[in-house]
C-alpha atoms as a PDB file:
ATOM      1  CA  UNK A   1      61.303 -24.733  35.107  1.00  0.00           C
ATOM      2  CA  UNK A   2      59.236 -21.971  36.716  1.00  0.00           C
ATOM      3  CA  UNK A   3      57.990 -20.773  33.322  1.00  0.00           C
ATOM      4  CA  UNK A   4      57.014 -24.300  32.283  1.00  0.00           C
ATOM      5  CA  UNK A   5      55.173 -24.937  35.548  1.00  0.00           C
ATOM      6  CA  UNK A   6      53.444 -21.556  35.380  1.00  0.00           C
ATOM      7  CA  UNK A   7      52.302 -22.306  31.828  1.00  0.00           C
ATOM      8  CA  UNK A   8      51.001 -25.748  32.789  1.00  0.00           C
ATOM      9  CA  UNK A   9      49.298 -24.468  35.953  1.00  0.00           C
ATOM     10  CA  UNK A  10      47.583 -21.741  33.944  1.00  0.00           C
ATOM     11  CA  UNK A  11      46.143 -24.475  31.727  1.00  0.00           C
ATOM     12  CA  UNK A  12      44.708 -26.362  34.689  1.00  0.00           C
ATOM     13  CA  UNK A  13      40.977 -26.376  35.080  1.00  0.00           C
ATOM     14  CA  UNK A  14      39.708 -25.519  38.530  1.00  0.00           C
ATOM     15  CA  UNK A  15      36.254 -27.011  38.011  1.00  0.00           C
ATOM     16  CA  UNK A  16      37.324 -30.192  36.285  1.00  0.00           C
ATOM     17  CA  UNK A  17      36.937 -33.461  38.145  1.00  0.00           C
ATOM     18  CA  UNK A  18      40.086 -35.104  36.843  1.00  0.00           C
ATOM     19  CA  UNK A  19      39.098 -35.663  33.232  1.00  0.00           C
ATOM     20  CA  UNK A  20      40.428 -32.401  31.886  1.00  0.00           C
ATOM     21  CA  UNK A  21      38.368 -29.618  30.431  1.00  0.00           C
ATOM     22  CA  UNK A  22      36.743 -29.154  27.076  1.00  0.00           C
ATOM     23  CA  UNK A  23      39.804 -27.287  25.790  1.00  0.00           C
ATOM     24  CA  UNK A  24      42.331 -29.776  24.335  1.00  0.00           C
ATOM     25  CA  UNK A  25      45.342 -28.374  26.224  1.00  0.00           C
ATOM     26  CA  UNK A  26      43.505 -28.104  29.532  1.00  0.00           C
ATOM     27  CA  UNK A  27      44.484 -30.397  32.409  1.00  0.00           C
ATOM     28  CA  UNK A  28      43.249 -30.921  35.917  1.00  0.00           C
ATOM     29  CA  UNK A  29      45.763 -30.375  38.707  1.00  0.00           C
ATOM     30  CA  UNK A  30      45.709 -34.112  39.439  1.00  0.00           C
ATOM     31  CA  UNK A  31      46.581 -34.875  35.820  1.00  0.00           C
ATOM     32  CA  UNK A  32      49.439 -32.380  35.843  1.00  0.00           C
ATOM     33  CA  UNK A  33      50.795 -33.808  39.090  1.00  0.00           C
ATOM     34  CA  UNK A  34      50.589 -37.370  37.750  1.00  0.00           C
ATOM     35  CA  UNK A  35      52.288 -36.345  34.520  1.00  0.00           C
ATOM     36  CA  UNK A  36      55.216 -34.687  36.307  1.00  0.00           C
ATOM     37  CA  UNK A  37      55.788 -37.267  39.048  1.00  0.00           C
ATOM     38  CA  UNK A  38      54.674 -40.551  37.495  1.00  0.00           C
ATOM     39  CA  UNK A  39      54.906 -40.180  33.730  1.00  0.00           C
ATOM     40  CA  UNK A  40      58.035 -37.990  33.559  1.00  0.00           C
ATOM     41  CA  UNK A  41      59.490 -38.854  36.950  1.00  0.00           C
ATOM     42  CA  UNK A  42      62.971 -38.516  38.359  1.00  0.00           C
ATOM     43  CA  UNK A  43      64.792 -39.711  35.249  1.00  0.00           C
ATOM     44  CA  UNK A  44      63.230 -37.042  33.042  1.00  0.00           C
ATOM     45  CA  UNK A  45      64.374 -34.296  35.408  1.00  0.00           C
ATOM     46  CA  UNK A  46      67.795 -35.924  35.999  1.00  0.00           C
ATOM     47  CA  UNK A  47      67.034 -35.839  39.702  1.00  0.00           C
ATOM     48  CA  UNK A  48      70.225 -37.517  40.877  1.00  0.00           C
ATOM     49  CA  UNK A  49      72.411 -34.744  39.516  1.00  0.00           C
ATOM     50  CA  UNK A  50      69.848 -31.922  39.858  1.00  0.00           C
ATOM     51  CA  UNK A  51      67.847 -32.788  42.984  1.00  0.00           C
ATOM     52  CA  UNK A  52      66.697 -29.234  43.671  1.00  0.00           C
ATOM     53  CA  UNK A  53      65.105 -28.985  40.224  1.00  0.00           C
ATOM     54  CA  UNK A  54      62.982 -32.081  40.794  1.00  0.00           C
ATOM     55  CA  UNK A  55      62.152 -30.995  44.355  1.00  0.00           C
ATOM     56  CA  UNK A  56      61.094 -27.591  43.041  1.00  0.00           C
ATOM     57  CA  UNK A  57      58.911 -29.204  40.385  1.00  0.00           C
ATOM     58  CA  UNK A  58      57.106 -31.352  42.932  1.00  0.00           C
ATOM     59  CA  UNK A  59      56.840 -28.560  45.472  1.00  0.00           C
ATOM     60  CA  UNK A  60      55.481 -25.937  43.074  1.00  0.00           C
ATOM     61  CA  UNK A  61      52.822 -28.314  41.777  1.00  0.00           C
ATOM     62  CA  UNK A  62      51.536 -29.035  45.271  1.00  0.00           C
ATOM     63  CA  UNK A  63      53.103 -32.461  45.715  1.00  0.00           C
ATOM     64  CA  UNK A  64      54.558 -31.523  49.075  1.00  0.00           C
ATOM     65  CA  UNK A  65      54.696 -35.008  50.564  1.00  0.00           C
ATOM     66  CA  UNK A  66      56.414 -36.469  47.493  1.00  0.00           C
ATOM     67  CA  UNK A  67      58.892 -33.577  47.425  1.00  0.00           C
ATOM     68  CA  UNK A  68      59.859 -34.147  51.063  1.00  0.00           C
ATOM     69  CA  UNK A  69      60.118 -37.900  50.550  1.00  0.00           C
ATOM     70  CA  UNK A  70      62.388 -37.331  47.546  1.00  0.00           C
ATOM     71  CA  UNK A  71      64.753 -35.100  49.542  1.00  0.00           C
ATOM     72  CA  UNK A  72      64.796 -37.537  52.457  1.00  0.00           C
ATOM     73  CA  UNK A  73      66.164 -40.325  50.237  1.00  0.00           C
ATOM     74  CA  UNK A  74      69.349 -38.355  49.576  1.00  0.00           C
ATOM     75  CA  UNK A  75      71.634 -38.369  52.605  1.00  0.00           C
ATOM     76  CA  UNK A  76      73.133 -34.868  52.153  1.00  0.00           C
ATOM     77  CA  UNK A  77      69.657 -33.372  51.654  1.00  0.00           C
ATOM     78  CA  UNK A  78      67.907 -35.177  54.508  1.00  0.00           C
ATOM     79  CA  UNK A  79      68.252 -32.220  56.936  1.00  0.00           C
ATOM     80  CA  UNK A  80      66.507 -30.015  54.368  1.00  0.00           C
ATOM     81  CA  UNK A  81      63.697 -32.559  54.086  1.00  0.00           C
ATOM     82  CA  UNK A  82      63.258 -32.565  57.849  1.00  0.00           C
ATOM     83  CA  UNK A  83      63.143 -28.783  58.081  1.00  0.00           C
ATOM     84  CA  UNK A  84      60.705 -28.414  55.191  1.00  0.00           C
ATOM     85  CA  UNK A  85      58.503 -31.134  56.717  1.00  0.00           C
ATOM     86  CA  UNK A  86      58.485 -29.438  60.120  1.00  0.00           C
ATOM     87  CA  UNK A  87      57.601 -26.058  58.629  1.00  0.00           C
ATOM     88  CA  UNK A  88      54.801 -27.447  56.455  1.00  0.00           C
ATOM     89  CA  UNK A  89      53.462 -29.582  59.301  1.00  0.00           C
ATOM     90  CA  UNK A  90      53.301 -26.538  61.562  1.00  0.00           C
ATOM     91  CA  UNK A  91      51.244 -24.788  58.875  1.00  0.00           C
ATOM     92  CA  UNK A  92      48.946 -27.855  58.554  1.00  0.00           C
ATOM     93  CA  UNK A  93      49.855 -28.257  54.889  1.00  0.00           C
ATOM     94  CA  UNK A  94      50.869 -31.929  54.987  1.00  0.00           C
ATOM     95  CA  UNK A  95      48.731 -35.034  54.732  1.00  0.00           C
ATOM     96  CA  UNK A  96      50.153 -37.367  57.349  1.00  0.00           C
ATOM     97  CA  UNK A  97      49.554 -41.059  58.011  1.00  0.00           C
ATOM     98  CA  UNK A  98      47.367 -42.181  60.851  1.00  0.00           C
ATOM     99  CA  UNK A  99      49.616 -45.076  61.902  1.00  0.00           C
ATOM    100  CA  UNK A 100      53.260 -43.950  61.960  1.00  0.00           C
ATOM    101  CA  UNK A 101      54.486 -47.342  63.192  1.00  0.00           C
ATOM    102  CA  UNK A 102      53.260 -49.288  60.141  1.00  0.00           C
ATOM    103  CA  UNK A 103      53.360 -46.961  57.169  1.00  0.00           C
ATOM    104  CA  UNK A 104      56.435 -46.200  55.044  1.00  0.00           C
ATOM    105  CA  UNK A 105      57.637 -42.638  54.744  1.00  0.00           C
ATOM    106  CA  UNK A 106      55.248 -42.040  51.810  1.00  0.00           C
ATOM    107  CA  UNK A 107      51.979 -43.935  51.770  1.00  0.00           C
ATOM    108  CA  UNK A 108      49.057 -44.115  49.356  1.00  0.00           C
ATOM    109  CA  UNK A 109      46.862 -45.950  51.856  1.00  0.00           C
ATOM    110  CA  UNK A 110      43.978 -44.518  53.777  1.00  0.00           C
ATOM    111  CA  UNK A 111      40.374 -43.497  53.249  1.00  0.00           C
ATOM    112  CA  UNK A 112      41.214 -41.413  50.189  1.00  0.00           C
ATOM    113  CA  UNK A 113      43.124 -43.523  47.694  1.00  0.00           C
ATOM    114  CA  UNK A 114      45.575 -41.669  45.515  1.00  0.00           C
ATOM    115  CA  UNK A 115      46.468 -39.046  48.107  1.00  0.00           C
ATOM    116  CA  UNK A 116      50.040 -39.363  49.272  1.00  0.00           C
ATOM    117  CA  UNK A 117      50.532 -39.191  53.012  1.00  0.00           C
ATOM    118  CA  UNK A 118      53.788 -38.519  54.791  1.00  0.00           C
ATOM    119  CA  UNK A 119      54.788 -40.534  57.828  1.00  0.00           C
ATOM    120  CA  UNK A 120      55.662 -37.595  60.028  1.00  0.00           C
END
C-alpha cells in the first residue's frame, strides 16, 4: 500500500484548489483523500479483516481524525486509537471539536465544512 500511496501523493498538485491540475492524472490532496475514504472506503480495503491496512491508508494520506475514529470503533484496537490520539493531540496535529458534549467522535460540523474534527 505504501507504493500506491506514494505514487498517488506524487501526483497530487500542491497549488490546485480542489479541482485537480491540468495534467489528467493529477489530483488535489482533498480529492485523493475523498477517493480513498469515501469512494473506496472500508469495504475496498477489507478493513474488518485488515484494520491496520485501512488505518495506514488513512493515516498516510493525512486523514488523522478518520484513522483514529476507525480504530476506536474496533474494541481490541481502541487502546491504540487512544494512544495515537493523545500523541497527535500533544503535537497539535488534530482538528478537535469545540463542543465535546454535543458532537460525535467524528464531526463534519464547524466553521469549515468538510474538515473532520475529532471529539477529543
